[in-house]
Amino acid sequence: VAADNHWHWALEQSLAWKGNENFKGQAQYRHFSSRFTSLYGAALQQGSRVANEQGLLLSASSSLFRHSEWLGYVDLFRFPHPTFVSVQPGALGAEVSLQCRYTPNMKQGWLLRYRFKSRQRTVSGTQLMEYRSVHRMRVAYMLNHSHWETRLQADASVATRQTGAVSCGWMASVRTTWKPAPQFTCKAFAACFFTDDHESALYAYEPQLVHVAAFPVFAYHGVRGVAVMDWRVSA
């Protein structure tokens, strides 16, 4: 629980349980006042700041099947007051995710993920609201060796809206790390992408400088490449 100097409140409650060694679950409820102010406040939220949001998140993870791990969650949220993208109060939204990671051995593994998100937004030029939804799918193959590791990844997205056309996108990328010696590391990333517009944009992690992480947006069409080398003079 947190309160600012005007006694506007932010509340976040969570409950975690562990059925056995192979199953875990969690429930989280949040209620943020529309006028709550905190410069460095951070919470599990859908909005850009800790304010004007109510939500319920249910998640579970399981490793019942051999060499596999399943993770899924459902997040239902509501914005009681108008926001930057919804002029009407009470905008609703939902996010659903299901992920499976399969690792038959220490040298290779597969990742399959599906994510759906839908949120009410204002229709341009009107006071009406519509649901805008995005489906995102990902398939990745990881290969690990003693001195290097590689990840091949394919992403696809489909964006829909009640008053517009369907937007689609895809991206193929590869990320690799080479470490021939403890003092030297080389990381590289390359991607080719194509989307109809920004609604179907895709995201991927790319290597950055030390203590920096980034998930850039890939929209419209193009190619991108990044290479980062790190050499430590002394351990």
C-alpha atoms as a PDB file:
ATOM      1  CA  VAL A   1       0.000   0.000   0.000  1.00  0.00           C
ATOM      2  CA  ALA A   2       1.285   3.485  -0.852  1.00  0.00           C
ATOM      3  CA  ALA A   3      -0.118   6.997  -0.437  1.00  0.00           C
ATOM      4  CA  ASP A   4       1.082  10.336  -1.770  1.00  0.00           C
ATOM      5  CA  ASN A   5       1.033  13.616   0.161  1.00  0.00           C
ATOM      6  CA  HIS A   6      -2.605  14.215  -0.869  1.00  0.00           C
ATOM      7  CA  TRP A   7      -3.661  10.773   0.444  1.00  0.00           C
ATOM      8  CA  HIS A   8      -4.284   9.259  -2.952  1.00  0.00           C
ATOM      9  CA  TRP A   9      -3.801   5.502  -2.652  1.00  0.00           C
ATOM     10  CA  ALA A  10      -2.226   2.699  -4.615  1.00  0.00           C
ATOM     11  CA  LEU A  11      -2.911  -0.872  -3.518  1.00  0.00           C
ATOM     12  CA  GLU A  12      -1.364  -4.099  -4.796  1.00  0.00           C
ATOM     13  CA  GLN A  13      -2.048  -7.521  -3.276  1.00  0.00           C
ATOM     14  CA  SER A  14      -0.682 -10.874  -4.370  1.00  0.00           C
ATOM     15  CA  LEU A  15      -1.110 -14.475  -3.296  1.00  0.00           C
ATOM     16  CA  ALA A  16       1.239 -17.244  -4.401  1.00  0.00           C
ATOM     17  CA  TRP A  17       0.792 -20.956  -3.864  1.00  0.00           C
ATOM     18  CA  LYS A  18       2.780 -24.081  -4.619  1.00  0.00           C
ATOM     19  CA  GLY A  19       0.773 -27.252  -5.141  1.00  0.00           C
ATOM     20  CA  ASN A  20       3.853 -29.443  -5.476  1.00  0.00           C
ATOM     21  CA  GLU A  21       7.323 -29.372  -6.988  1.00  0.00           C
ATOM     22  CA  ASN A  22       5.864 -29.196 -10.509  1.00  0.00           C
ATOM     23  CA  PHE A  23       3.061 -26.636 -10.158  1.00  0.00           C
ATOM     24  CA  LYS A  24       2.961 -23.026  -8.989  1.00  0.00           C
ATOM     25  CA  GLY A  25       0.254 -20.388  -9.143  1.00  0.00           C
ATOM     26  CA  GLN A  26      -0.196 -16.726  -8.358  1.00  0.00           C
ATOM     27  CA  ALA A  27      -3.042 -14.213  -8.120  1.00  0.00           C
ATOM     28  CA  GLN A  28      -2.583 -10.457  -8.043  1.00  0.00           C
ATOM     29  CA  TYR A  29      -5.108  -7.651  -7.545  1.00  0.00           C
ATOM     30  CA  ARG A  30      -4.255  -3.977  -8.044  1.00  0.00           C
ATOM     31  CA  HIS A  31      -6.194  -0.773  -7.467  1.00  0.00           C
ATOM     32  CA  PHE A  32      -4.522   2.555  -8.242  1.00  0.00           C
ATOM     33  CA  SER A  33      -6.223   5.882  -7.642  1.00  0.00           C
ATOM     34  CA  SER A  34      -6.519   8.070 -10.734  1.00  0.00           C
ATOM     35  CA  ARG A  35      -4.704  10.903  -8.901  1.00  0.00           C
ATOM     36  CA  PHE A  36      -1.976   8.860  -7.257  1.00  0.00           C
ATOM     37  CA  THR A  37       1.431  10.446  -7.934  1.00  0.00           C
ATOM     38  CA  SER A  38       4.804   8.765  -7.561  1.00  0.00           C
ATOM     39  CA  LEU A  39       7.902   9.736  -9.535  1.00  0.00           C
ATOM     40  CA  TYR A  40       9.616   6.362  -9.088  1.00  0.00           C
ATOM     41  CA  GLY A  41       6.612   4.136  -8.412  1.00  0.00           C
ATOM     42  CA  ALA A  42       6.645   0.777 -10.198  1.00  0.00           C
ATOM     43  CA  ALA A  43       4.201  -2.118 -10.156  1.00  0.00           C
ATOM     44  CA  LEU A  44       2.856  -4.875 -12.331  1.00  0.00           C
ATOM     45  CA  GLN A  45       0.535  -2.773 -14.511  1.00  0.00           C
ATOM     46  CA  GLN A  46      -0.802  -2.210 -18.016  1.00  0.00           C
ATOM     47  CA  GLY A  47      -0.714   1.580 -17.994  1.00  0.00           C
ATOM     48  CA  SER A  48       2.363   3.755 -18.373  1.00  0.00           C
ATOM     49  CA  ARG A  49       2.302   4.832 -14.704  1.00  0.00           C
ATOM     50  CA  VAL A  50       0.977   3.659 -11.348  1.00  0.00           C
ATOM     51  CA  ALA A  51      -2.378   5.447 -11.491  1.00  0.00           C
ATOM     52  CA  ASN A  52      -5.943   5.063 -12.779  1.00  0.00           C
ATOM     53  CA  GLU A  53      -6.034   1.277 -13.042  1.00  0.00           C
ATOM     54  CA  GLN A  54      -7.787  -1.759 -11.627  1.00  0.00           C
ATOM     55  CA  GLY A  55      -6.734  -5.280 -12.511  1.00  0.00           C
ATOM     56  CA  LEU A  56      -6.742  -8.956 -11.671  1.00  0.00           C
ATOM     57  CA  LEU A  57      -3.923 -11.247 -12.799  1.00  0.00           C
ATOM     58  CA  LEU A  58      -3.981 -15.054 -12.563  1.00  0.00           C
ATOM     59  CA  SER A  59      -0.881 -17.037 -13.546  1.00  0.00           C
ATOM     60  CA  ALA A  60       0.350 -20.611 -13.310  1.00  0.00           C
ATOM     61  CA  SER A  61       3.455 -22.579 -14.246  1.00  0.00           C
ATOM     62  CA  SER A  62       3.919 -26.322 -14.544  1.00  0.00           C
ATOM     63  CA  SER A  63       6.685 -28.786 -15.342  1.00  0.00           C
ATOM     64  CA  LEU A  64       4.649 -31.982 -15.111  1.00  0.00           C
ATOM     65  CA  PHE A  65       5.791 -33.209 -18.504  1.00  0.00           C
ATOM     66  CA  ARG A  66       9.373 -34.354 -18.875  1.00  0.00           C
ATOM     67  CA  HIS A  67      11.856 -31.816 -20.311  1.00  0.00           C
ATOM     68  CA  SER A  68       9.122 -29.176 -20.655  1.00  0.00           C
ATOM     69  CA  GLU A  69       7.906 -26.126 -18.775  1.00  0.00           C
ATOM     70  CA  TRP A  70       4.514 -24.450 -19.272  1.00  0.00           C
ATOM     71  CA  LEU A  71       3.685 -20.898 -18.254  1.00  0.00           C
ATOM     72  CA  GLY A  72       0.415 -19.046 -18.703  1.00  0.00           C
ATOM     73  CA  TYR A  73      -1.456 -16.054 -17.348  1.00  0.00           C
ATOM     74  CA  VAL A  74      -4.669 -14.060 -17.753  1.00  0.00           C
ATOM     75  CA  ASP A  75      -4.749 -10.347 -16.927  1.00  0.00           C
ATOM     76  CA  LEU A  76      -8.078  -8.492 -16.808  1.00  0.00           C
ATOM     77  CA  PHE A  77      -7.835  -4.727 -16.347  1.00  0.00           C
ATOM     78  CA  ARG A  78      -9.906  -1.548 -16.356  1.00  0.00           C
ATOM     79  CA  PHE A  79      -9.159   2.182 -16.476  1.00  0.00           C
ATOM     80  CA  PRO A  80     -11.853   3.965 -14.396  1.00  0.00           C
ATOM     81  CA  HIS A  81     -11.087   7.423 -15.809  1.00  0.00           C
ATOM     82  CA  PRO A  82     -10.189   8.624 -19.341  1.00  0.00           C
ATOM     83  CA  THR A  83      -6.678   7.947 -20.598  1.00  0.00           C
ATOM     84  CA  PHE A  84      -4.520   9.175 -23.462  1.00  0.00           C
ATOM     85  CA  VAL A  85      -6.036   6.609 -25.865  1.00  0.00           C
ATOM     86  CA  SER A  86      -9.596   6.383 -24.474  1.00  0.00           C
ATOM     87  CA  VAL A  87     -11.622   9.540 -23.887  1.00  0.00           C
ATOM     88  CA  GLN A  88     -14.460   7.649 -22.220  1.00  0.00           C
ATOM     89  CA  PRO A  89     -14.161   6.354 -18.633  1.00  0.00           C
ATOM     90  CA  GLY A  90     -14.233   2.652 -17.840  1.00  0.00           C
ATOM     91  CA  ALA A  91     -12.103   1.346 -20.732  1.00  0.00           C
ATOM     92  CA  LEU A  92     -11.639  -2.430 -20.481  1.00  0.00           C
ATOM     93  CA  GLY A  93      -8.845  -4.746 -21.570  1.00  0.00           C
ATOM     94  CA  ALA A  94      -7.465  -8.256 -21.310  1.00  0.00           C
ATOM     95  CA  GLU A  95      -4.173 -10.022 -21.955  1.00  0.00           C
ATOM     96  CA  VAL A  96      -3.668 -13.783 -22.277  1.00  0.00           C
ATOM     97  CA  SER A  97      -0.370 -15.613 -22.717  1.00  0.00           C
ATOM     98  CA  LEU A  98       0.655 -19.262 -23.022  1.00  0.00           C
ATOM     99  CA  GLN A  99       4.270 -20.395 -23.341  1.00  0.00           C
ATOM    100  CA  CYS A 100       5.934 -23.784 -23.614  1.00  0.00           C
ATOM    101  CA  ARG A 101       9.683 -24.398 -23.341  1.00  0.00           C
ATOM    102  CA  TYR A 102      11.024 -27.836 -24.334  1.00  0.00           C
ATOM    103  CA  THR A 103      14.651 -28.738 -23.542  1.00  0.00           C
ATOM    104  CA  PRO A 104      15.441 -32.378 -24.383  1.00  0.00           C
ATOM    105  CA  ASN A 105      19.092 -31.871 -23.348  1.00  0.00           C
ATOM    106  CA  MET A 106      21.550 -29.205 -22.224  1.00  0.00           C
ATOM    107  CA  LYS A 107      22.621 -28.324 -25.773  1.00  0.00           C
ATOM    108  CA  GLN A 108      19.314 -27.469 -27.442  1.00  0.00           C
ATOM    109  CA  GLY A 109      15.790 -26.338 -26.736  1.00  0.00           C
ATOM    110  CA  TRP A 110      12.557 -25.054 -28.265  1.00  0.00           C
ATOM    111  CA  LEU A 111      10.267 -22.193 -27.292  1.00  0.00           C
ATOM    112  CA  LEU A 112       6.660 -21.738 -28.422  1.00  0.00           C
ATOM    113  CA  ARG A 113       4.616 -18.748 -27.277  1.00  0.00           C
ATOM    114  CA  TYR A 114       1.220 -17.235 -28.058  1.00  0.00           C
ATOM    115  CA  ARG A 115       0.054 -13.912 -26.661  1.00  0.00           C
ATOM    116  CA  PHE A 116      -3.247 -12.067 -27.106  1.00  0.00           C
ATOM    117  CA  LYS A 117      -4.044  -8.551 -25.956  1.00  0.00           C
ATOM    118  CA  SER A 118      -7.219  -6.548 -26.433  1.00  0.00           C
ATOM    119  CA  ARG A 119      -8.024  -3.050 -25.159  1.00  0.00           C
ATOM    120  CA  GLN A 120     -10.723  -0.459 -25.739  1.00  0.00           C
ATOM    121  CA  ARG A 121      -9.546   2.683 -27.521  1.00  0.00           C
ATOM    122  CA  THR A 122     -11.281   5.760 -28.889  1.00  0.00           C
ATOM    123  CA  VAL A 123     -12.283   5.744 -32.553  1.00  0.00           C
ATOM    124  CA  SER A 124     -10.566   8.674 -34.274  1.00  0.00           C
ATOM    125  CA  GLY A 125     -12.846  11.691 -34.692  1.00  0.00           C
ATOM    126  CA  THR A 126     -15.620  10.324 -32.464  1.00  0.00           C
ATOM    127  CA  GLN A 127     -16.474   9.774 -28.805  1.00  0.00           C
ATOM    128  CA  LEU A 128     -16.985   6.044 -29.392  1.00  0.00           C
ATOM    129  CA  MET A 129     -14.658   3.276 -28.301  1.00  0.00           C
ATOM    130  CA  GLU A 130     -13.637   0.096 -30.074  1.00  0.00           C
ATOM    131  CA  TYR A 131     -11.690  -3.019 -29.175  1.00  0.00           C
ATOM    132  CA  ARG A 132      -8.236  -3.250 -30.746  1.00  0.00           C
ATOM    133  CA  SER A 133      -6.655  -6.673 -30.472  1.00  0.00           C
ATOM    134  CA  VAL A 134      -3.250  -8.123 -31.315  1.00  0.00           C
ATOM    135  CA  HIS A 135      -2.264 -11.783 -31.678  1.00  0.00           C
ATOM    136  CA  ARG A 136       1.464 -12.521 -31.430  1.00  0.00           C
ATOM    137  CA  MET A 137       3.144 -15.889 -32.022  1.00  0.00           C
ATOM    138  CA  ARG A 138       6.771 -16.904 -31.558  1.00  0.00           C
ATOM    139  CA  VAL A 139       8.808 -20.020 -32.329  1.00  0.00           C
ATOM    140  CA  ALA A 140      12.472 -20.170 -31.278  1.00  0.00           C
ATOM    141  CA  TYR A 141      15.215 -22.772 -31.401  1.00  0.00           C
ATOM    142  CA  MET A 142      18.186 -22.493 -29.012  1.00  0.00           C
ATOM    143  CA  LEU A 143      21.514 -24.232 -29.553  1.00  0.00           C
ATOM    144  CA  ASN A 144      24.216 -24.153 -26.843  1.00  0.00           C
ATOM    145  CA  HIS A 145      27.860 -25.223 -26.886  1.00  0.00           C
ATOM    146  CA  SER A 146      30.791 -24.684 -24.580  1.00  0.00           C
ATOM    147  CA  HIS A 147      31.945 -21.414 -26.172  1.00  0.00           C
ATOM    148  CA  TRP A 148      28.909 -20.157 -28.073  1.00  0.00           C
ATOM    149  CA  GLU A 149      25.117 -20.160 -28.168  1.00  0.00           C
ATOM    150  CA  THR A 150      22.675 -19.342 -30.952  1.00  0.00           C
ATOM    151  CA  ARG A 151      18.970 -18.559 -31.029  1.00  0.00           C
ATOM    152  CA  LEU A 152      16.925 -18.768 -34.243  1.00  0.00           C
ATOM    153  CA  GLN A 153      13.547 -17.085 -33.946  1.00  0.00           C
ATOM    154  CA  ALA A 154      10.410 -16.512 -36.050  1.00  0.00           C
ATOM    155  CA  ASP A 155       7.682 -14.045 -34.999  1.00  0.00           C
ATOM    156  CA  ALA A 156       4.271 -13.250 -36.463  1.00  0.00           C
ATOM    157  CA  SER A 157       1.505 -10.827 -35.511  1.00  0.00           C
ATOM    158  CA  VAL A 158      -2.096 -10.157 -36.511  1.00  0.00           C
ATOM    159  CA  ALA A 159      -3.784  -6.912 -35.399  1.00  0.00           C
ATOM    160  CA  THR A 160      -7.558  -6.423 -35.662  1.00  0.00           C
ATOM    161  CA  ARG A 161      -9.935  -3.586 -34.860  1.00  0.00           C
ATOM    162  CA  GLN A 162     -13.693  -3.196 -35.021  1.00  0.00           C
ATOM    163  CA  THR A 163     -13.600  -0.270 -37.469  1.00  0.00           C
ATOM    164  CA  GLY A 164     -10.597  -1.085 -39.644  1.00  0.00           C
ATOM    165  CA  ALA A 165      -8.754  -3.638 -41.700  1.00  0.00           C
ATOM    166  CA  VAL A 166      -6.614  -6.493 -40.441  1.00  0.00           C
ATOM    167  CA  SER A 167      -2.876  -5.784 -40.135  1.00  0.00           C
ATOM    168  CA  CYS A 168      -0.220  -8.528 -40.302  1.00  0.00           C
ATOM    169  CA  GLY A 169       3.511  -8.771 -39.723  1.00  0.00           C
ATOM    170  CA  TRP A 170       6.385 -11.239 -39.546  1.00  0.00           C
ATOM    171  CA  MET A 171      10.041 -11.256 -38.558  1.00  0.00           C
ATOM    172  CA  ALA A 172      12.931 -13.726 -38.771  1.00  0.00           C
ATOM    173  CA  SER A 173      15.922 -13.135 -36.516  1.00  0.00           C
ATOM    174  CA  VAL A 174      19.074 -14.753 -35.174  1.00  0.00           C
ATOM    175  CA  ARG A 175      21.006 -13.920 -32.009  1.00  0.00           C
ATOM    176  CA  THR A 176      24.356 -15.443 -31.109  1.00  0.00           C
ATOM    177  CA  THR A 177      26.985 -15.170 -28.386  1.00  0.00           C
ATOM    178  CA  TRP A 178      30.611 -16.281 -28.786  1.00  0.00           C
ATOM    179  CA  LYS A 179      32.925 -16.478 -25.782  1.00  0.00           C
ATOM    180  CA  PRO A 180      36.281 -18.029 -26.743  1.00  0.00           C
ATOM    181  CA  ALA A 181      37.939 -16.837 -23.512  1.00  0.00           C
ATOM    182  CA  PRO A 182      36.735 -15.580 -20.113  1.00  0.00           C
ATOM    183  CA  GLN A 183      37.954 -12.052 -20.935  1.00  0.00           C
ATOM    184  CA  PHE A 184      36.408 -11.786 -24.418  1.00  0.00           C
ATOM    185  CA  THR A 185      32.733 -11.932 -25.466  1.00  0.00           C
ATOM    186  CA  CYS A 186      31.130 -11.169 -28.812  1.00  0.00           C
ATOM    187  CA  LYS A 187      27.365 -10.822 -29.271  1.00  0.00           C
ATOM    188  CA  ALA A 188      25.485 -10.286 -32.526  1.00  0.00           C
ATOM    189  CA  PHE A 189      21.877  -9.883 -33.675  1.00  0.00           C
ATOM    190  CA  ALA A 190      20.324  -9.726 -37.143  1.00  0.00           C
ATOM    191  CA  ALA A 191      16.669  -9.482 -38.193  1.00  0.00           C
ATOM    192  CA  CYS A 192      14.537  -9.138 -41.299  1.00  0.00           C
ATOM    193  CA  PHE A 193      10.975  -7.886 -40.749  1.00  0.00           C
ATOM    194  CA  PHE A 194       7.842  -6.757 -42.568  1.00  0.00           C
ATOM    195  CA  THR A 195       4.603  -5.396 -41.067  1.00  0.00           C
ATOM    196  CA  ASP A 196       1.654  -3.615 -42.627  1.00  0.00           C
ATOM    197  CA  ASP A 197       1.757  -0.790 -40.048  1.00  0.00           C
ATOM    198  CA  HIS A 198       2.658  -0.009 -36.450  1.00  0.00           C
ATOM    199  CA  GLU A 199      -0.379  -1.883 -35.092  1.00  0.00           C
ATOM    200  CA  SER A 200       1.247  -5.215 -36.001  1.00  0.00           C
ATOM    201  CA  ALA A 201       4.738  -4.233 -34.816  1.00  0.00           C
ATOM    202  CA  LEU A 202       6.992  -6.903 -33.332  1.00  0.00           C
ATOM    203  CA  TYR A 203       9.579  -6.881 -30.556  1.00  0.00           C
ATOM    204  CA  ALA A 204      12.844  -8.746 -29.967  1.00  0.00           C
ATOM    205  CA  TYR A 205      15.746  -8.511 -27.548  1.00  0.00           C
ATOM    206  CA  GLU A 206      19.051  -7.357 -28.980  1.00  0.00           C
ATOM    207  CA  PRO A 207      22.477  -7.141 -27.287  1.00  0.00           C
ATOM    208  CA  GLN A 208      23.406  -3.835 -25.727  1.00  0.00           C
ATOM    209  CA  LEU A 209      26.229  -2.299 -23.733  1.00  0.00           C
ATOM    210  CA  VAL A 210      26.863  -3.402 -20.148  1.00  0.00           C
ATOM    211  CA  HIS A 211      23.959  -2.750 -17.735  1.00  0.00           C
ATOM    212  CA  VAL A 212      21.636  -1.799 -20.609  1.00  0.00           C
ATOM    213  CA  ALA A 213      18.752  -3.856 -21.982  1.00  0.00           C
ATOM    214  CA  ALA A 214      16.460  -3.035 -24.898  1.00  0.00           C
ATOM    215  CA  PHE A 215      13.512  -4.538 -26.755  1.00  0.00           C
ATOM    216  CA  PRO A 216      13.265  -2.339 -29.862  1.00  0.00           C
ATOM    217  CA  VAL A 217      10.133  -2.048 -31.989  1.00  0.00           C
ATOM    218  CA  PHE A 218      10.200  -3.528 -35.512  1.00  0.00           C
ATOM    219  CA  ALA A 219       7.528  -1.977 -37.727  1.00  0.00           C
ATOM    220  CA  TYR A 220       6.920  -1.612 -41.495  1.00  0.00           C
ATOM    221  CA  HIS A 221       9.820  -3.305 -43.322  1.00  0.00           C
ATOM    222  CA  GLY A 222      13.584  -3.466 -43.181  1.00  0.00           C
ATOM    223  CA  VAL A 223      16.652  -5.233 -41.810  1.00  0.00           C
ATOM    224  CA  ARG A 224      18.624  -4.596 -38.648  1.00  0.00           C
ATOM    225  CA  GLY A 225      21.970  -5.786 -37.343  1.00  0.00           C
ATOM    226  CA  VAL A 226      23.869  -5.243 -34.102  1.00  0.00           C
ATOM    227  CA  ALA A 227      27.308  -6.432 -32.938  1.00  0.00           C
ATOM    228  CA  VAL A 228      28.769  -5.849 -29.483  1.00  0.00           C
ATOM    229  CA  MET A 229      32.249  -6.936 -28.330  1.00  0.00           C
ATOM    230  CA  ASP A 230      33.491  -6.904 -24.753  1.00  0.00           C
ATOM    231  CA  TRP A 231      37.116  -7.345 -23.762  1.00  0.00           C
ATOM    232  CA  ARG A 232      38.204  -7.258 -20.147  1.00  0.00           C
ATOM    233  CA  VAL A 233      41.899  -6.464 -19.795  1.00  0.00           C
ATOM    234  CA  SER A 234      42.017  -8.170 -16.405  1.00  0.00           C
ATOM    235  CA  ALA A 235      39.573 -10.510 -14.692  1.00  0.00           C
END
